[in-house]
Amino acid sequence: MWYYIFSLLTAPGVVVHELGHAFFCWVAGIKIHKIKLFQFDKTTAGFVTHDEPHNFYQAIFISFGPLIANSLLTLFLCAKLTAPYIDWHKILYTWLAVAIGLHAIPSTGDAESLFRTSTSHLWRNPLKIIGLPFVGVLYTLNFLKRIHFDFFYVIILFWLGRFYLKG
């Protein structure tokens, strides 16, 4: 039951996460076959099925799309918060910022996809090996999610947005 409550409360974050992938597919000119913005599934809350990227730069941006999109939107929402926090707009901004920020970290599936792209045809383009540290970052972030680093990440974004980007 708690899984479903948490999933509903953070659904906007899943939607923005998947739209982050889709946006960078669109920018890179990669064909999207199917988008599932949200579902109740313990293995994957949403997904974007697309063609393989033509080069590994596209793969990096597609894989890191949610980190970029969710983080920027969370920063923007946090920058809108000012005291007193009782106003319904600010409660809405806070909820959206937390929900979106919690889903900023790309999944292990994103890391696996980037790994495949970074290691495929390595003999034709040895510079693809540059993508492997990015794969390591994604796996490390996913490992840290097990100890709830995503909550700490939201706090960092809140602090940055609230105190450095307020306008």
Foldseek 3Di string as FASTA:
>chain_A
DVLVVLCVLLLLQLQQLQVLLVVLCVVQVWAWDDWFSADPDPVHGIHIHTDQRPALVSLLSSQQSLLVRLLVLLLQLLLPDDPPCPDPSNVVSVSNSLSNLLNSQGDLVSLVSSVCRLPPPCVVPVVSVVSVVVSVVSVVVNVVVVVPVSNVRSVVSSCCSHPPVHD
